[in-house]
Amino acid sequence: MSPAKIIREEIEENNQHFSAVYLETKNASLILLSEGEDQLGTLAVAIPQKQKMVGPPLSSILLGDRNVITARLFAERLAQKMNKIGLASIFIKSISEREAGPILVKLFEKIVKNLSEQKYLQTKESAK
């Protein structure tokens, strides 16, 4: 049984601090994207689309009413990329959802890159 993976990433954009916390278990992935310190925000869940099915993953808002579009988009993207249940939390307090989108995408991509590097290193280690 392997332990859950936890990854943290941070960036500074326009003199504002943004952070991401990623948690992966065997059947689900959770990403918390926040402006400022880590906080739970609007929470969305998505399930990946089965193969040969047309359309995006199915998603729904579980908690909150701000940034619902962004939360659903990130949950769907996470579910599709990891091929498991995806949960995404978005906490933005001083900028608009439109301004935050590209910044949060950068954070998301940093997490995905970090995961890819970890998988590469694990594959390399197991090949020895």
Protein backbone atom coordinates (compact mmCIF):
# COMPACT_ATOMS: atom_id res chain seq x y z
CA MET A 1 0.00 0.00 0.00
CA SER A 2 1.57 3.27 -1.06
CA PRO A 3 1.15 6.49 0.93
CA ALA A 4 -0.70 9.52 -0.41
CA LYS A 5 1.38 11.98 -2.44
CA ILE A 6 1.46 15.60 -1.35
CA ILE A 7 2.97 18.40 -3.46
CA ARG A 8 3.16 22.13 -2.73
CA GLU A 9 3.86 24.87 -5.25
CA GLU A 10 3.85 28.64 -4.96
CA ILE A 11 4.18 31.57 -7.33
CA GLU A 12 4.29 35.34 -7.06
CA GLU A 13 2.35 37.29 -9.69
CA ASN A 14 1.67 41.05 -9.70
CA ASN A 15 2.96 41.35 -6.12
CA GLN A 16 0.47 38.71 -4.96
CA HIS A 17 1.21 35.29 -3.54
CA PHE A 18 -0.59 32.20 -4.87
CA SER A 19 -0.24 28.64 -3.59
CA ALA A 20 -1.27 25.15 -4.58
CA VAL A 21 -1.49 22.04 -2.44
CA TYR A 22 -1.99 18.74 -4.27
CA LEU A 23 -3.00 15.50 -2.58
CA GLU A 24 -3.24 12.22 -4.47
CA THR A 25 -4.69 8.97 -3.21
CA LYS A 26 -5.26 5.71 -5.05
CA ASN A 27 -8.71 6.72 -6.33
CA ALA A 28 -8.76 10.53 -6.19
CA SER A 29 -6.77 13.74 -6.59
CA LEU A 30 -7.39 17.00 -4.74
CA ILE A 31 -5.91 20.40 -5.56
CA LEU A 32 -6.31 23.52 -3.41
CA LEU A 33 -5.54 26.70 -5.35
CA SER A 34 -5.43 29.83 -3.19
CA GLU A 35 -4.56 33.48 -3.26
CA GLY A 36 -2.48 34.23 -0.16
CA GLU A 37 -2.22 31.50 2.43
CA ASP A 38 -3.73 28.05 1.92
CA GLN A 39 -7.49 28.08 2.39
CA LEU A 40 -10.45 26.01 1.34
CA GLY A 41 -12.59 27.80 -1.20
CA THR A 42 -15.31 26.85 -3.63
CA LEU A 43 -15.02 23.08 -4.00
CA ALA A 44 -15.91 21.13 -7.14
CA VAL A 45 -15.77 17.43 -7.90
CA ALA A 46 -15.46 15.72 -11.28
CA ILE A 47 -15.26 12.17 -12.52
CA PRO A 48 -13.30 11.30 -15.66
CA GLN A 49 -15.20 10.44 -18.78
CA LYS A 50 -15.11 6.74 -19.62
CA GLN A 51 -13.28 5.76 -22.79
CA LYS A 52 -15.31 6.01 -25.99
CA MET A 53 -17.71 8.45 -24.32
CA VAL A 54 -18.09 11.86 -25.91
CA GLY A 55 -17.88 15.05 -23.88
CA PRO A 56 -16.08 16.49 -20.88
CA PRO A 57 -15.93 14.87 -17.45
CA LEU A 58 -19.02 15.26 -15.29
CA SER A 59 -18.65 17.83 -12.52
CA SER A 60 -20.57 19.52 -9.75
CA ILE A 61 -20.04 22.17 -7.08
CA LEU A 62 -19.94 20.73 -3.55
CA LEU A 63 -19.30 23.87 -1.54
CA GLY A 64 -19.37 27.62 -2.14
CA ASP A 65 -20.79 29.97 -4.73
CA ARG A 66 -17.83 32.10 -5.87
CA ASN A 67 -15.52 31.09 -8.73
CA VAL A 68 -17.77 28.15 -9.61
CA ILE A 69 -16.77 28.06 -13.28
CA THR A 70 -13.07 28.02 -12.45
CA ALA A 71 -13.51 25.36 -9.75
CA ARG A 72 -15.44 23.09 -12.11
CA LEU A 73 -12.92 23.58 -14.92
CA PHE A 74 -9.98 22.66 -12.69
CA ALA A 75 -11.83 19.64 -11.22
CA GLU A 76 -12.61 18.41 -14.73
CA ARG A 77 -9.07 19.01 -15.92
CA LEU A 78 -7.65 17.18 -12.91
CA ALA A 79 -10.02 14.21 -13.34
CA GLN A 80 -9.13 13.92 -17.02
CA LYS A 81 -5.38 14.25 -16.49
CA MET A 82 -5.17 11.80 -13.57
CA ASN A 83 -7.98 9.49 -14.75
CA LYS A 84 -9.56 9.41 -11.29
CA ILE A 85 -11.97 11.46 -9.18
CA GLY A 86 -10.81 15.08 -9.19
CA LEU A 87 -11.58 17.67 -6.54
CA ALA A 88 -10.57 21.31 -6.95
CA SER A 89 -10.84 24.15 -4.45
CA ILE A 90 -10.49 27.78 -5.57
CA PHE A 91 -9.99 30.59 -3.04
CA ILE A 92 -9.56 34.03 -4.61
CA LYS A 93 -10.18 37.14 -2.54
CA SER A 94 -8.83 40.31 -4.19
CA ILE A 95 -8.77 39.69 -7.94
CA SER A 96 -11.40 38.63 -10.43
CA GLU A 97 -11.89 35.07 -11.63
CA ARG A 98 -10.81 36.24 -15.07
CA GLU A 99 -7.49 37.63 -13.75
CA ALA A 100 -6.90 34.61 -11.54
CA GLY A 101 -7.45 32.02 -14.29
CA PRO A 102 -4.07 32.29 -16.06
CA ILE A 103 -2.21 32.43 -12.74
CA LEU A 104 -3.96 29.33 -11.44
CA VAL A 105 -3.26 27.53 -14.72
CA LYS A 106 0.47 28.21 -14.17
CA LEU A 107 0.24 26.74 -10.68
CA PHE A 108 -1.69 23.72 -11.97
CA GLU A 109 0.92 23.13 -14.67
CA LYS A 110 3.73 23.34 -12.07
CA ILE A 111 1.99 20.59 -10.10
CA VAL A 112 1.56 18.42 -13.20
CA LYS A 113 5.22 18.95 -14.16
CA ASN A 114 6.30 17.99 -10.65
CA LEU A 115 4.18 14.82 -10.84
CA SER A 116 5.65 13.93 -14.24
CA GLU A 117 9.18 14.36 -12.89
CA GLN A 118 8.38 12.16 -9.88
CA LYS A 119 6.95 9.41 -12.11
CA TYR A 120 10.01 9.64 -14.37
CA LEU A 121 12.34 9.29 -11.37
CA GLN A 122 10.33 6.34 -10.00
CA THR A 123 10.46 4.61 -13.38
CA LYS A 124 14.19 5.23 -13.60
CA GLU A 125 14.72 3.89 -10.06
CA SER A 126 12.66 0.74 -10.66
CA ALA A 127 14.64 0.04 -13.86
CA LYS A 128 17.91 -0.23 -11.89
